Amino acid sequence: MKKWILFAASLCLVAVIAACGSNNAKTENTSSGVSEPNTAAPEVVIKAKSWEFEEAEYKIKAGEAVNLTLESTDGVHGIEISKTDVKIGNNKTQTVTLEAGEYEISCNVPCGNGHRNMKTKLIVS
């Protein structure tokens, strides 16, 4: 019995150590123009609250680096932008450069009953 407890404790310790490891590589995806926040780029704040975004649509310029910031004013939310690899966590910022078009922004963190309908548009022109 003691061997199994020691084995389980060792296994938990290994899992904790593995989860706490760091990845120092800079994240950049050139296909959708995603990178770490750029202090020189203009900022667009996307505000999220219980099952809705503050604006029906957000607008940015095509080909221009923009800092997209997700600000959750009620609950925990995350977003992803359709047709891209852009995913932004709760109260985080990411610099994006997108081609012209209309994209759908949706909440990617289950946030309650209205989660499925939590969508807005991103107009890139």
Protein backbone atom coordinates (compact mmCIF):
# COMPACT_ATOMS: atom_id res chain seq x y z
CA MET A 1 0.00 0.00 0.00
CA LYS A 2 2.81 2.42 0.88
CA LYS A 3 4.48 1.70 -2.46
CA TRP A 4 1.34 2.74 -4.35
CA ILE A 5 1.03 5.97 -2.37
CA LEU A 6 4.71 6.76 -2.99
CA PHE A 7 4.27 5.94 -6.68
CA ALA A 8 1.16 8.16 -6.97
CA ALA A 9 2.88 11.03 -5.14
CA SER A 10 5.92 10.75 -7.44
CA LEU A 11 3.67 10.75 -10.49
CA CYS A 12 1.87 13.88 -9.25
CA LEU A 13 5.20 15.61 -8.62
CA VAL A 14 6.38 14.84 -12.15
CA ALA A 15 3.10 16.21 -13.57
CA VAL A 16 3.42 19.43 -11.56
CA ILE A 17 7.03 19.93 -12.62
CA ALA A 18 6.14 19.32 -16.27
CA ALA A 19 3.23 21.78 -16.10
CA CYS A 20 5.44 24.48 -14.57
CA GLY A 21 8.07 24.31 -17.30
CA SER A 22 8.55 27.46 -19.31
CA ASN A 23 8.61 28.04 -23.01
CA ASN A 24 10.82 31.02 -23.75
CA ALA A 25 10.30 30.88 -27.50
CA LYS A 26 8.65 33.98 -28.96
CA THR A 27 5.25 33.08 -30.40
CA GLU A 28 4.75 34.31 -33.93
CA ASN A 29 2.54 33.04 -36.70
CA THR A 30 3.31 34.81 -39.94
CA SER A 31 0.40 33.28 -41.86
CA SER A 32 -2.12 35.30 -39.88
CA GLY A 33 0.29 37.97 -38.64
CA VAL A 34 0.02 37.12 -34.93
CA SER A 35 2.74 38.19 -32.51
CA GLU A 36 3.41 39.50 -29.02
CA PRO A 37 2.06 43.00 -28.20
CA ASN A 38 3.76 45.85 -30.06
CA THR A 39 3.93 49.07 -28.02
CA ALA A 40 4.00 51.21 -31.20
CA ALA A 41 0.83 49.71 -32.72
CA PRO A 42 -2.63 51.24 -32.22
CA GLU A 43 -4.90 49.40 -29.77
CA VAL A 44 -8.45 48.13 -30.18
CA VAL A 45 -10.12 46.99 -26.95
CA ILE A 46 -12.75 44.27 -27.28
CA LYS A 47 -14.90 44.34 -24.14
CA ALA A 48 -16.71 41.17 -23.13
CA LYS A 49 -19.33 40.63 -20.46
CA SER A 50 -21.95 38.01 -19.72
CA TRP A 51 -22.78 36.49 -23.09
CA GLU A 52 -22.11 39.54 -25.24
CA PHE A 53 -19.49 41.87 -26.60
CA GLU A 54 -19.78 45.63 -26.07
CA GLU A 55 -19.83 46.42 -29.82
CA ALA A 56 -21.71 44.71 -32.66
CA GLU A 57 -18.57 45.12 -34.80
CA TYR A 58 -14.98 46.29 -34.49
CA LYS A 59 -12.99 47.87 -37.34
CA ILE A 60 -9.27 47.82 -38.09
CA LYS A 61 -7.13 48.63 -41.13
CA ALA A 62 -5.94 45.88 -43.44
CA GLY A 63 -2.21 45.15 -43.42
CA GLU A 64 -1.61 47.33 -40.35
CA ALA A 65 -0.32 45.91 -37.07
CA VAL A 66 -2.95 46.42 -34.36
CA ASN A 67 -2.91 45.46 -30.68
CA LEU A 68 -6.15 43.62 -29.94
CA THR A 69 -6.91 43.59 -26.22
CA LEU A 70 -9.63 41.45 -24.67
CA GLU A 71 -11.07 43.10 -21.59
CA SER A 72 -13.52 41.01 -19.59
CA THR A 73 -15.80 43.24 -17.55
CA ASP A 74 -17.99 40.42 -16.25
CA GLY A 75 -16.79 36.82 -15.96
CA VAL A 76 -13.91 35.06 -17.69
CA HIS A 77 -13.77 35.09 -21.49
CA GLY A 78 -11.39 34.39 -24.34
CA ILE A 79 -11.74 35.06 -28.04
CA GLU A 80 -10.79 33.49 -31.31
CA ILE A 81 -11.06 35.06 -34.73
CA SER A 82 -12.44 32.96 -37.57
CA LYS A 83 -10.20 32.15 -40.57
CA THR A 84 -7.09 32.93 -38.46
CA ASP A 85 -4.96 31.42 -35.72
CA VAL A 86 -5.70 34.35 -33.41
CA LYS A 87 -6.73 33.36 -29.88
CA ILE A 88 -6.58 35.90 -27.07
CA GLY A 89 -7.04 35.02 -23.42
CA ASN A 90 -8.84 36.85 -20.65
CA ASN A 91 -7.46 40.40 -20.25
CA LYS A 92 -4.56 39.74 -22.67
CA THR A 93 -3.24 41.64 -25.68
CA GLN A 94 -1.91 40.35 -28.99
CA THR A 95 -0.65 42.19 -32.07
CA VAL A 96 -2.32 41.10 -35.30
CA THR A 97 -1.99 42.04 -38.95
CA LEU A 98 -4.91 40.80 -41.04
CA GLU A 99 -5.93 40.90 -44.67
CA ALA A 100 -9.07 42.77 -45.73
CA GLY A 101 -12.29 40.93 -45.04
CA GLU A 102 -14.97 40.23 -42.48
CA TYR A 103 -14.12 37.94 -39.59
CA GLU A 104 -16.22 36.52 -36.79
CA ILE A 105 -14.99 36.90 -33.22
CA SER A 106 -16.40 34.37 -30.80
CA CYS A 107 -15.88 33.57 -27.14
CA ASN A 108 -13.81 30.39 -26.78
CA VAL A 109 -14.21 29.99 -22.99
CA PRO A 110 -17.48 28.37 -21.89
CA CYS A 111 -19.07 31.22 -19.92
CA GLY A 112 -22.65 30.17 -19.29
CA ASN A 113 -26.05 29.80 -20.95
CA GLY A 114 -25.54 32.43 -23.66
CA HIS A 115 -22.01 31.31 -24.60
CA ARG A 116 -22.98 29.88 -28.00
CA ASN A 117 -24.41 33.21 -29.11
CA MET A 118 -21.45 35.29 -27.91
CA LYS A 119 -20.20 36.58 -31.25
CA THR A 120 -19.25 39.87 -32.88
CA LYS A 121 -17.71 40.97 -36.20
CA LEU A 122 -14.26 42.24 -37.04
CA ILE A 123 -14.23 44.35 -40.21
CA VAL A 124 -10.77 44.68 -41.77
CA SER A 125 -10.64 47.24 -44.58
